[in-house]
N, C-alpha and C. Protein backbone atom coordinates (compact mmCIF):
# COMPACT_ATOMS: atom_id res chain seq x y z
N MET A 1 -14.15 18.36 66.06
CA MET A 1 -12.88 18.53 66.72
C MET A 1 -13.04 19.66 67.73
N PRO A 2 -12.65 19.45 68.96
CA PRO A 2 -12.76 20.51 69.98
C PRO A 2 -11.87 21.71 69.63
N LEU A 3 -12.29 22.89 70.04
CA LEU A 3 -11.59 24.12 69.72
C LEU A 3 -10.11 24.08 70.10
N PRO A 4 -9.72 23.59 71.27
CA PRO A 4 -8.29 23.55 71.59
C PRO A 4 -7.48 22.75 70.56
N GLU A 5 -8.05 21.66 70.05
CA GLU A 5 -7.36 20.87 69.02
C GLU A 5 -7.26 21.65 67.71
N VAL A 6 -8.32 22.37 67.36
CA VAL A 6 -8.30 23.19 66.15
C VAL A 6 -7.20 24.23 66.24
N LEU A 7 -7.16 24.94 67.37
CA LEU A 7 -6.15 25.99 67.56
C LEU A 7 -4.74 25.41 67.58
N SER A 8 -4.58 24.25 68.18
CA SER A 8 -3.27 23.60 68.19
C SER A 8 -2.85 23.20 66.77
N ASN A 9 -3.80 22.70 65.99
CA ASN A 9 -3.54 22.32 64.61
C ASN A 9 -3.12 23.55 63.79
N ILE A 10 -3.80 24.66 64.00
CA ILE A 10 -3.44 25.89 63.30
C ILE A 10 -2.03 26.32 63.67
N ASP A 11 -1.72 26.32 64.97
CA ASP A 11 -0.38 26.71 65.41
C ASP A 11 0.68 25.79 64.82
N ALA A 12 0.42 24.50 64.80
CA ALA A 12 1.40 23.54 64.30
C ALA A 12 1.62 23.67 62.80
N ASN A 13 0.62 24.14 62.08
CA ASN A 13 0.70 24.23 60.62
C ASN A 13 0.76 25.67 60.11
N ARG A 14 1.05 26.60 60.99
CA ARG A 14 1.04 28.02 60.63
C ARG A 14 1.86 28.35 59.37
N PRO A 15 3.11 27.86 59.23
CA PRO A 15 3.87 28.20 58.02
C PRO A 15 3.17 27.73 56.74
N GLY A 16 2.64 26.54 56.73
CA GLY A 16 1.94 26.04 55.54
C GLY A 16 0.66 26.80 55.26
N ILE A 17 -0.05 27.16 56.32
CA ILE A 17 -1.28 27.94 56.15
C ILE A 17 -0.96 29.30 55.53
N LEU A 18 0.08 29.95 56.06
CA LEU A 18 0.47 31.25 55.52
C LEU A 18 0.95 31.14 54.08
N ASP A 19 1.69 30.09 53.76
CA ASP A 19 2.13 29.88 52.38
C ASP A 19 0.93 29.73 51.44
N GLY A 20 -0.08 28.97 51.87
CA GLY A 20 -1.28 28.81 51.06
C GLY A 20 -2.01 30.13 50.84
N LEU A 21 -2.11 30.94 51.90
CA LEU A 21 -2.76 32.24 51.75
C LEU A 21 -1.97 33.14 50.80
N LYS A 22 -0.64 33.08 50.88
CA LYS A 22 0.19 33.88 49.97
C LYS A 22 0.00 33.43 48.53
N GLN A 23 -0.13 32.12 48.30
CA GLN A 23 -0.39 31.61 46.95
C GLN A 23 -1.70 32.19 46.41
N LEU A 24 -2.72 32.17 47.26
CA LEU A 24 -4.02 32.69 46.85
C LEU A 24 -3.94 34.18 46.53
N LEU A 25 -3.25 34.93 47.37
CA LEU A 25 -3.16 36.37 47.16
C LEU A 25 -2.35 36.75 45.93
N ARG A 26 -1.49 35.85 45.46
CA ARG A 26 -0.69 36.13 44.26
C ARG A 26 -1.51 35.99 42.97
N ILE A 27 -2.67 35.39 43.03
CA ILE A 27 -3.50 35.23 41.83
C ILE A 27 -4.20 36.55 41.54
N PRO A 28 -3.89 37.18 40.40
CA PRO A 28 -4.52 38.48 40.09
C PRO A 28 -5.97 38.29 39.65
N SER A 29 -6.86 38.19 40.61
CA SER A 29 -8.24 37.79 40.30
C SER A 29 -9.26 38.89 40.59
N VAL A 30 -8.89 40.13 40.33
CA VAL A 30 -9.87 41.21 40.49
C VAL A 30 -10.87 41.11 39.34
N SER A 31 -12.11 40.80 39.68
CA SER A 31 -13.09 40.44 38.65
C SER A 31 -13.56 41.62 37.81
N THR A 32 -13.30 42.85 38.22
CA THR A 32 -13.72 43.99 37.42
C THR A 32 -12.78 44.26 36.25
N ASN A 33 -11.63 43.59 36.24
CA ASN A 33 -10.68 43.76 35.14
C ASN A 33 -10.87 42.60 34.16
N PRO A 34 -11.39 42.86 32.96
CA PRO A 34 -11.64 41.78 32.00
C PRO A 34 -10.40 40.98 31.65
N ASP A 35 -9.22 41.59 31.77
CA ASP A 35 -7.98 40.87 31.48
C ASP A 35 -7.72 39.74 32.47
N ASN A 36 -8.41 39.75 33.61
CA ASN A 36 -8.18 38.76 34.65
C ASN A 36 -9.17 37.60 34.62
N ALA A 37 -9.94 37.47 33.56
CA ALA A 37 -10.96 36.41 33.51
C ALA A 37 -10.34 35.03 33.72
N GLY A 38 -9.24 34.75 33.05
CA GLY A 38 -8.58 33.46 33.22
C GLY A 38 -8.04 33.26 34.62
N GLU A 39 -7.57 34.35 35.22
CA GLU A 39 -7.05 34.27 36.58
C GLU A 39 -8.18 34.06 37.59
N CYS A 40 -9.34 34.63 37.30
CA CYS A 40 -10.50 34.39 38.18
C CYS A 40 -10.85 32.90 38.17
N GLN A 41 -10.79 32.28 37.00
CA GLN A 41 -11.06 30.85 36.91
C GLN A 41 -10.00 30.06 37.66
N ARG A 42 -8.74 30.45 37.50
CA ARG A 42 -7.65 29.77 38.22
C ARG A 42 -7.84 29.89 39.72
N CYS A 43 -8.28 31.06 40.17
CA CYS A 43 -8.53 31.27 41.60
C CYS A 43 -9.66 30.35 42.09
N ALA A 44 -10.73 30.26 41.31
CA ALA A 44 -11.85 29.39 41.68
C ALA A 44 -11.39 27.93 41.75
N ASP A 45 -10.60 27.51 40.78
CA ASP A 45 -10.09 26.13 40.77
C ASP A 45 -9.18 25.88 41.98
N TRP A 46 -8.35 26.86 42.30
CA TRP A 46 -7.44 26.75 43.45
C TRP A 46 -8.25 26.60 44.74
N LEU A 47 -9.25 27.47 44.91
CA LEU A 47 -10.08 27.41 46.12
C LEU A 47 -10.84 26.09 46.23
N ALA A 48 -11.35 25.60 45.12
CA ALA A 48 -12.07 24.33 45.14
C ALA A 48 -11.12 23.19 45.51
N GLY A 49 -9.91 23.22 44.96
CA GLY A 49 -8.93 22.19 45.29
C GLY A 49 -8.56 22.20 46.76
N ARG A 50 -8.36 23.37 47.31
CA ARG A 50 -8.03 23.47 48.75
C ARG A 50 -9.21 23.01 49.59
N SER A 51 -10.41 23.36 49.17
CA SER A 51 -11.59 22.93 49.93
C SER A 51 -11.69 21.41 49.94
N ARG A 52 -11.44 20.79 48.79
CA ARG A 52 -11.47 19.32 48.72
C ARG A 52 -10.39 18.71 49.59
N ALA A 53 -9.21 19.34 49.61
CA ALA A 53 -8.11 18.82 50.44
C ALA A 53 -8.45 18.85 51.92
N MET A 54 -9.38 19.74 52.30
CA MET A 54 -9.81 19.82 53.70
C MET A 54 -10.99 18.90 53.99
N GLY A 55 -11.43 18.16 52.97
CA GLY A 55 -12.52 17.22 53.19
C GLY A 55 -13.89 17.75 52.84
N LEU A 56 -13.94 18.91 52.21
CA LEU A 56 -15.23 19.46 51.79
C LEU A 56 -15.58 18.95 50.40
N ALA A 57 -16.85 18.93 50.11
CA ALA A 57 -17.31 18.67 48.75
C ALA A 57 -17.33 20.03 48.06
N ALA A 58 -16.59 20.18 46.96
CA ALA A 58 -16.47 21.49 46.32
C ALA A 58 -16.76 21.40 44.83
N LEU A 59 -17.50 22.37 44.35
CA LEU A 59 -17.83 22.47 42.93
C LEU A 59 -17.45 23.86 42.44
N VAL A 60 -16.96 23.94 41.22
CA VAL A 60 -16.76 25.22 40.55
C VAL A 60 -17.90 25.34 39.56
N GLU A 61 -18.75 26.32 39.78
CA GLU A 61 -19.95 26.50 38.96
C GLU A 61 -19.82 27.76 38.10
N PRO A 62 -20.00 27.62 36.79
CA PRO A 62 -19.95 28.80 35.93
C PRO A 62 -21.16 29.71 36.15
N THR A 63 -20.95 30.98 35.93
CA THR A 63 -22.04 31.96 35.95
C THR A 63 -21.91 32.77 34.66
N ASP A 64 -22.75 33.77 34.50
CA ASP A 64 -22.66 34.62 33.31
C ASP A 64 -21.34 35.38 33.25
N ARG A 65 -20.71 35.61 34.38
CA ARG A 65 -19.46 36.37 34.39
C ARG A 65 -18.29 35.51 34.83
N HIS A 66 -18.25 35.16 36.09
CA HIS A 66 -17.13 34.41 36.63
C HIS A 66 -17.65 33.20 37.39
N SER A 67 -16.85 32.18 37.44
CA SER A 67 -17.24 30.99 38.19
C SER A 67 -17.29 31.28 39.68
N ILE A 68 -18.13 30.53 40.36
CA ILE A 68 -18.19 30.60 41.81
C ILE A 68 -17.81 29.23 42.37
N VAL A 69 -17.39 29.23 43.62
CA VAL A 69 -17.03 27.98 44.29
C VAL A 69 -18.10 27.71 45.34
N LEU A 70 -18.65 26.53 45.30
CA LEU A 70 -19.61 26.08 46.30
C LEU A 70 -18.95 24.93 47.05
N ALA A 71 -18.68 25.15 48.33
CA ALA A 71 -18.04 24.12 49.14
C ALA A 71 -18.93 23.83 50.35
N THR A 72 -19.20 22.56 50.56
CA THR A 72 -20.07 22.16 51.66
C THR A 72 -19.45 20.99 52.41
N LEU A 73 -19.88 20.84 53.64
CA LEU A 73 -19.47 19.66 54.41
C LEU A 73 -20.24 18.46 53.88
N PRO A 74 -19.54 17.36 53.64
CA PRO A 74 -20.29 16.15 53.28
C PRO A 74 -21.14 15.73 54.47
N GLN A 75 -21.93 14.72 54.30
CA GLN A 75 -22.75 14.25 55.41
C GLN A 75 -21.89 14.18 56.67
N LEU A 76 -22.40 14.76 57.73
CA LEU A 76 -21.63 14.76 58.98
C LEU A 76 -21.39 13.33 59.43
N SER A 77 -20.20 13.10 59.85
CA SER A 77 -19.86 11.77 60.36
C SER A 77 -19.05 11.95 61.62
N MET A 78 -18.74 10.89 62.26
CA MET A 78 -17.97 10.93 63.50
C MET A 78 -16.47 10.86 63.25
N ARG A 79 -16.07 10.80 61.97
CA ARG A 79 -14.65 10.68 61.70
C ARG A 79 -13.94 12.01 62.00
N ARG A 80 -12.69 11.93 62.34
CA ARG A 80 -11.90 13.12 62.62
C ARG A 80 -11.06 13.43 61.39
N TRP A 81 -10.80 14.67 61.13
CA TRP A 81 -9.97 15.04 59.99
C TRP A 81 -9.14 16.24 60.36
N SER A 82 -8.08 16.44 59.61
CA SER A 82 -7.26 17.64 59.76
C SER A 82 -7.01 18.21 58.38
N CYS A 83 -6.57 19.42 58.34
CA CYS A 83 -6.39 20.13 57.08
C CYS A 83 -5.01 19.83 56.49
N PRO A 84 -4.94 19.08 55.38
CA PRO A 84 -3.63 18.87 54.75
C PRO A 84 -3.20 20.14 54.04
N LEU A 85 -1.95 20.47 54.17
CA LEU A 85 -1.42 21.69 53.58
C LEU A 85 -0.31 21.38 52.62
N PRO A 86 0.00 22.34 51.76
CA PRO A 86 1.07 22.10 50.76
C PRO A 86 2.41 21.86 51.41
């Protein structure tokens, strides 16, 4: 997608984008606090879900401490996509 279209898409969806960022910031996921272990997992699941909604292939992978999110572009194709928002 050309940059002008990307920027136009962002402008058109700004309220939804900001709402999504606010949702993410509300998750108490500071990993140095052991009380937040469940919230760290919820944050990873949230990020993976949003990544999938944007057309990325996303996995939540456990580690010795907290899960990580691995999100990648599927095989590049010529199809066009836009970011669905809540």
